[in-house]
């Protein structure tokens, strides 16, 4: 479930099982409407005016275009795989769509034509069982295994899904995470790969910090990594069990992290980078968003609820 147009006080919540989007009013805490989209809706992105939205229909292999005034999906753009995440690029002329086969497709946001597709997810993916390296044993591998008791893990070569996406404030750089263990930087002017790094574990959501100098990376292996984007070095690792979704307050003072496997939300202080509060929400919290004023967090929970935290 996801996502939002919080500036209007409405949250768009994708419902994968019912092929629909529900509208939740933040003031009344009620579902005010719902409408059908494609098969398996996952992510939603809005244009700046709020007049249009784009939804990834995972099982249809399409991106749907939504008229937010009429609350209808008016057309679809086909893509070459299951569409997972979507973002509008510079000047809102391009749509960046991550696919479950490891591709990053760039679409014309008006016509839906494919500008290019970059293959980023052909790599090794932790799936069931293998011998970990010494580095993995000492850092991320024990956290990953601890987050999923009863599972064994190995690496399997192949294409893996791209999940987290984040843009710099000027939209000149796009960061994309792969659950196979890689984060890639894309130049959005040329739509080319600039550089990448391998944090290990299971990278999920990404957030670019204020000033575009810092990248926060949620990792389900049990931490949030902090990367310096100028020097392309890791500066911190914050222990957070089963970290999945991220949201940064507008002032950059707090980072909120969903703990999907343990049913909680960690609140991280931006200055000290320490967890200052853990909020139990139960279920399986996944993606979350903050209102522009930073006073309200909205959490999509796979238990079948949307949780509003003030």
Protein backbone atom coordinates (compact mmCIF):
# COMPACT_ATOMS: atom_id res chain seq x y z
CA UNK A 1 0.00 0.00 0.00
CA UNK A 2 1.07 3.56 -0.66
CA UNK A 3 1.16 6.78 -1.28
CA UNK A 4 0.10 10.38 -0.98
CA UNK A 5 -0.70 13.86 -2.08
CA UNK A 6 -0.34 15.23 1.40
CA UNK A 7 -0.43 18.91 0.44
CA UNK A 8 -4.17 18.55 -0.26
CA UNK A 9 -4.87 16.61 2.93
CA UNK A 10 -5.65 13.47 0.90
CA UNK A 11 -3.65 10.27 0.89
CA UNK A 12 -3.74 7.94 -2.13
CA UNK A 13 -3.41 4.37 -0.87
CA UNK A 14 -2.69 1.64 -3.40
CA UNK A 15 -4.46 -1.65 -2.72
CA UNK A 16 -2.67 -4.43 -4.56
CA UNK A 17 -5.23 -7.13 -3.80
CA UNK A 18 -8.24 -5.14 -5.07
CA UNK A 19 -6.64 -3.32 -8.04
CA UNK A 20 -7.75 0.00 -6.64
CA UNK A 21 -6.72 3.20 -4.92
CA UNK A 22 -8.40 4.44 -1.75
CA UNK A 23 -8.49 8.12 -0.80
CA UNK A 24 -7.97 8.80 2.90
CA UNK A 25 -8.80 12.22 4.36
CA UNK A 26 -6.23 13.23 6.98
CA UNK A 27 -8.64 15.39 8.95
CA UNK A 28 -11.56 13.00 9.26
CA UNK A 29 -9.39 9.85 9.23
CA UNK A 30 -11.82 8.26 6.81
CA UNK A 31 -11.74 6.64 3.39
CA UNK A 32 -13.66 9.15 1.30
CA UNK A 33 -13.54 7.39 -2.09
CA UNK A 34 -11.90 4.62 -4.07
CA UNK A 35 -11.46 3.88 -7.75
CA UNK A 36 -10.16 1.09 -9.96
CA UNK A 37 -6.77 1.19 -11.68
CA UNK A 38 -4.66 -1.63 -13.12
CA UNK A 39 -3.68 -5.04 -11.79
CA UNK A 40 -1.49 -4.83 -8.69
CA UNK A 41 -1.08 -1.07 -8.10
CA UNK A 42 2.01 -0.33 -6.01
CA UNK A 43 3.41 3.21 -6.19
CA UNK A 44 1.94 6.64 -6.99
CA UNK A 45 3.63 9.90 -8.04
CA UNK A 46 1.93 13.28 -8.51
CA UNK A 47 2.78 16.23 -10.71
CA UNK A 48 3.50 19.51 -8.92
CA UNK A 49 0.05 20.90 -9.65
CA UNK A 50 -1.65 17.82 -8.22
CA UNK A 51 -3.84 17.51 -11.31
CA UNK A 52 -2.35 14.22 -12.49
CA UNK A 53 -0.91 11.15 -10.85
CA UNK A 54 0.93 8.10 -12.14
CA UNK A 55 0.44 4.63 -10.68
CA UNK A 56 2.61 1.57 -11.25
CA UNK A 57 0.44 -1.46 -12.08
CA UNK A 58 2.82 -4.26 -11.18
CA UNK A 59 1.05 -7.24 -12.75
CA UNK A 60 -0.27 -5.41 -15.82
CA UNK A 61 3.23 -4.22 -16.77
CA UNK A 62 1.84 -0.70 -17.15
CA UNK A 63 1.96 2.77 -15.65
CA UNK A 64 -1.50 4.27 -15.29
CA UNK A 65 -2.26 7.97 -15.69
CA UNK A 66 -4.81 9.30 -13.19
CA UNK A 67 -6.95 12.41 -13.49
CA UNK A 68 -7.14 13.47 -9.84
CA UNK A 69 -10.18 15.69 -10.41
CA UNK A 70 -12.33 12.85 -11.74
CA UNK A 71 -10.44 10.16 -9.79
CA UNK A 72 -10.11 7.88 -12.76
CA UNK A 73 -7.30 6.12 -14.57
CA UNK A 74 -7.56 7.66 -18.03
CA UNK A 75 -4.84 5.80 -19.90
CA UNK A 76 -1.92 3.43 -19.43
CA UNK A 77 1.69 3.31 -20.63
CA UNK A 78 3.12 -0.19 -21.27
CA UNK A 79 6.53 -1.12 -19.83
CA UNK A 80 8.71 -4.19 -20.30
CA UNK A 81 8.26 -5.72 -16.88
CA UNK A 82 6.41 -5.37 -13.62
CA UNK A 83 6.35 -1.65 -12.74
CA UNK A 84 7.39 -1.07 -9.12
CA UNK A 85 8.32 2.55 -8.33
CA UNK A 86 7.73 5.78 -10.25
CA UNK A 87 9.07 9.35 -10.06
CA UNK A 88 8.72 12.43 -12.24
CA UNK A 89 12.04 13.74 -13.52
CA UNK A 90 13.29 17.21 -14.48
CA UNK A 91 10.59 19.61 -15.71
CA UNK A 92 8.10 16.75 -15.28
CA UNK A 93 8.74 15.66 -18.87
CA UNK A 94 10.07 12.23 -17.93
CA UNK A 95 8.85 9.36 -15.81
CA UNK A 96 11.40 7.10 -14.16
CA UNK A 97 9.92 3.63 -13.61
CA UNK A 98 11.72 0.79 -11.85
CA UNK A 99 10.90 -2.76 -12.94
CA UNK A 100 10.87 -6.12 -11.21
CA UNK A 101 13.32 -7.48 -13.82
CA UNK A 102 16.04 -4.98 -12.90
CA UNK A 103 15.32 -2.37 -15.56
CA UNK A 104 14.97 1.38 -15.12
CA UNK A 105 12.67 2.65 -17.86
CA UNK A 106 12.46 6.33 -18.81
CA UNK A 107 9.11 7.33 -20.32
CA UNK A 108 7.85 10.52 -21.90
CA UNK A 109 5.32 11.65 -19.27
CA UNK A 110 2.85 12.89 -21.92
CA UNK A 111 2.96 10.25 -24.63
CA UNK A 112 4.27 7.28 -22.66
CA UNK A 113 6.90 6.49 -25.29
CA UNK A 114 10.07 4.84 -24.02
CA UNK A 115 13.10 7.13 -24.13
CA UNK A 116 15.51 4.51 -22.84
CA UNK A 117 15.82 1.53 -20.49
CA UNK A 118 18.88 1.01 -18.30
CA UNK A 119 19.50 -2.47 -16.92
CA UNK A 120 20.64 -2.11 -13.31
CA UNK A 121 19.46 -5.26 -11.55
CA UNK A 122 21.47 -8.10 -13.13
CA UNK A 123 23.34 -9.19 -10.03
CA UNK A 124 23.44 -11.65 -7.18
CA UNK A 125 20.45 -11.77 -4.87
CA UNK A 126 20.30 -13.27 -1.37
CA UNK A 127 17.54 -15.85 -1.64
CA UNK A 128 18.09 -19.00 0.41
CA UNK A 129 21.54 -20.34 1.46
CA UNK A 130 25.27 -19.73 0.95
CA UNK A 131 28.52 -19.22 2.83
CA UNK A 132 28.97 -15.59 3.83
CA UNK A 133 32.26 -13.74 3.50
CA UNK A 134 34.17 -12.60 6.59
CA UNK A 135 32.95 -9.03 6.04
CA UNK A 136 29.34 -10.16 5.81
CA UNK A 137 29.66 -12.25 8.95
CA UNK A 138 30.98 -9.26 10.85
CA UNK A 139 28.48 -6.69 9.60
CA UNK A 140 25.29 -7.13 7.63
CA UNK A 141 24.83 -10.87 7.23
CA UNK A 142 24.01 -11.63 10.90
CA UNK A 143 21.49 -8.78 10.93
CA UNK A 144 19.78 -10.07 7.79
CA UNK A 145 19.49 -13.61 9.17
CA UNK A 146 18.27 -12.29 12.53
CA UNK A 147 15.55 -10.26 10.81
CA UNK A 148 14.12 -13.40 9.17
CA UNK A 149 14.38 -16.32 11.62
CA UNK A 150 13.80 -19.73 10.12
CA UNK A 151 15.14 -18.78 6.68
CA UNK A 152 18.37 -19.94 5.10
CA UNK A 153 20.05 -17.78 2.46
CA UNK A 154 22.10 -18.23 -0.68
CA UNK A 155 23.03 -16.12 -3.71
CA UNK A 156 21.38 -16.67 -7.06
CA UNK A 157 22.59 -14.92 -10.20
CA UNK A 158 19.93 -13.16 -12.22
CA UNK A 159 17.85 -10.03 -12.61
CA UNK A 160 16.44 -8.59 -9.41
CA UNK A 161 13.92 -5.89 -8.66
CA UNK A 162 14.75 -2.22 -8.29
CA UNK A 163 12.95 -0.80 -5.30
CA UNK A 164 14.05 2.47 -3.70
CA UNK A 165 14.20 5.69 -5.74
CA UNK A 166 15.13 9.23 -4.74
CA UNK A 167 15.90 12.48 -6.56
CA UNK A 168 18.09 15.38 -5.53
CA UNK A 169 16.25 18.66 -4.97
CA UNK A 170 17.32 19.98 -8.39
CA UNK A 171 16.39 16.60 -9.96
CA UNK A 172 19.80 16.35 -11.63
CA UNK A 173 20.61 13.02 -9.96
CA UNK A 174 18.46 9.95 -9.40
CA UNK A 175 19.41 7.21 -6.93
CA UNK A 176 18.06 3.70 -7.39
CA UNK A 177 18.43 0.74 -5.03
CA UNK A 178 18.31 -2.92 -5.97
CA UNK A 179 17.35 -5.66 -3.53
CA UNK A 180 20.38 -7.49 -4.93
CA UNK A 181 22.61 -5.14 -2.96
CA UNK A 182 23.47 -2.17 -5.20
CA UNK A 183 22.72 1.57 -5.24
CA UNK A 184 23.22 3.43 -8.54
CA UNK A 185 23.45 7.13 -9.35
CA UNK A 186 21.87 8.30 -12.62
CA UNK A 187 22.54 11.58 -14.45
CA UNK A 188 19.00 12.65 -15.37
CA UNK A 189 20.10 15.01 -18.14
CA UNK A 190 21.72 12.19 -20.14
CA UNK A 191 19.99 9.24 -18.39
CA UNK A 192 23.31 7.50 -17.91
CA UNK A 193 24.93 5.71 -14.98
CA UNK A 194 27.40 7.91 -13.10
CA UNK A 195 28.54 5.53 -10.35
CA UNK A 196 27.34 2.82 -7.99
CA UNK A 197 28.22 1.13 -4.72
CA UNK A 198 27.37 -2.16 -3.02
CA UNK A 199 26.14 -1.69 0.55
CA UNK A 200 25.23 -5.39 0.87
CA UNK A 201 22.15 -6.74 2.61
CA UNK A 202 18.73 -5.89 1.16
CA UNK A 203 18.65 -2.19 0.19
CA UNK A 204 15.16 -0.72 0.18
CA UNK A 205 14.01 2.91 0.42
CA UNK A 206 16.23 5.93 -0.23
CA UNK A 207 16.05 9.57 0.84
CA UNK A 208 18.33 12.44 -0.17
CA UNK A 209 19.06 14.78 2.74
CA UNK A 210 18.86 18.56 2.82
CA UNK A 211 21.49 20.23 0.65
CA UNK A 212 21.78 17.11 -1.55
CA UNK A 213 24.97 16.11 0.28
CA UNK A 214 23.70 13.01 2.08
CA UNK A 215 21.92 9.83 1.03
CA UNK A 216 20.03 7.73 3.58
CA UNK A 217 19.53 4.07 2.71
CA UNK A 218 17.16 1.71 4.53
CA UNK A 219 18.47 -1.84 4.60
CA UNK A 220 16.37 -4.80 5.71
CA UNK A 221 19.52 -6.44 7.01
CA UNK A 222 19.08 -4.22 10.05
CA UNK A 223 20.35 -0.68 9.65
CA UNK A 224 20.11 2.69 7.92
CA UNK A 225 23.27 3.67 6.09
CA UNK A 226 24.36 7.28 5.66
CA UNK A 227 26.43 8.12 2.56
CA UNK A 228 28.34 11.29 1.71
CA UNK A 229 27.40 12.05 -1.90
CA UNK A 230 30.36 14.31 -2.55
CA UNK A 231 32.99 11.78 -1.54
CA UNK A 232 30.82 8.68 -2.20
CA UNK A 233 31.72 7.22 1.18
CA UNK A 234 29.68 5.72 3.98
CA UNK A 235 29.77 7.96 7.05
CA UNK A 236 27.46 6.10 9.42
CA UNK A 237 25.34 2.99 9.97
CA UNK A 238 22.37 3.34 12.30
CA UNK A 239 21.06 0.05 13.75
CA UNK A 240 17.37 -0.28 12.86
CA UNK A 241 15.82 -3.77 12.71
CA UNK A 242 14.34 -4.70 9.30
CA UNK A 243 14.56 -1.10 7.99
CA UNK A 244 12.35 -0.67 4.93
CA UNK A 245 10.62 2.70 4.35
CA UNK A 246 12.08 6.17 4.93
CA UNK A 247 10.68 9.67 5.33
CA UNK A 248 12.64 12.81 6.21
CA UNK A 249 10.94 15.75 7.89
CA UNK A 250 10.99 18.97 5.89
CA UNK A 251 13.52 20.58 8.23
CA UNK A 252 15.78 17.52 8.09
CA UNK A 253 15.75 17.16 11.86
CA UNK A 254 14.21 13.69 11.97
CA UNK A 255 14.31 10.57 9.82
CA UNK A 256 11.44 8.10 10.25
CA UNK A 257 12.09 4.45 9.41
CA UNK A 258 9.58 1.60 9.15
CA UNK A 259 10.64 -1.70 10.72
CA UNK A 260 8.59 -4.00 8.51
CA UNK A 261 9.43 -7.37 10.03
CA UNK A 262 9.01 -6.24 13.65
CA UNK A 263 6.03 -3.88 13.39
CA UNK A 264 7.59 -0.63 14.50
CA UNK A 265 8.80 2.80 13.41
CA UNK A 266 12.16 4.16 14.48
CA UNK A 267 12.60 7.93 14.80
CA UNK A 268 16.20 8.97 14.13
CA UNK A 269 17.62 12.32 15.22
CA UNK A 270 19.18 14.02 12.21
CA UNK A 271 22.04 15.61 14.14
CA UNK A 272 23.16 12.75 16.38
CA UNK A 273 21.95 9.98 14.04
CA UNK A 274 20.69 8.08 17.04
CA UNK A 275 17.31 6.39 17.42
CA UNK A 276 15.44 8.61 19.87
CA UNK A 277 12.08 6.83 19.81
CA UNK A 278 10.54 3.59 18.62
CA UNK A 279 6.80 3.64 17.92
CA UNK A 280 5.02 0.26 17.95
CA UNK A 281 2.46 0.03 15.14
CA UNK A 282 2.18 -3.77 14.80
CA UNK A 283 1.45 -5.45 11.48
CA UNK A 284 3.91 -4.86 8.63
CA UNK A 285 4.54 -1.14 8.12
CA UNK A 286 6.13 -0.48 4.75
CA UNK A 287 6.24 2.92 3.04
CA UNK A 288 5.49 6.13 4.87
CA UNK A 289 5.27 9.84 4.15
CA UNK A 290 5.38 13.10 6.08
CA UNK A 291 3.09 16.09 5.62
CA UNK A 292 4.93 19.21 4.38
CA UNK A 293 4.76 20.81 7.83
CA UNK A 294 6.33 17.73 9.41
CA UNK A 295 3.57 17.30 11.99
CA UNK A 296 1.97 14.13 10.64
CA UNK A 297 3.31 10.80 9.42
CA UNK A 298 1.19 8.47 7.30
CA UNK A 299 2.10 4.79 7.28
CA UNK A 300 0.93 2.14 4.84
CA UNK A 301 0.63 -1.12 6.77
CA UNK A 302 0.17 -4.49 5.07
CA UNK A 303 -2.10 -5.50 7.93
CA UNK A 304 -4.77 -3.64 5.94
CA UNK A 305 -4.69 -0.25 7.62
CA UNK A 306 -3.32 3.24 7.10
CA UNK A 307 -1.86 4.64 10.31
CA UNK A 308 -1.77 8.38 10.98
CA UNK A 309 0.75 9.51 13.58
CA UNK A 310 0.79 13.09 14.88
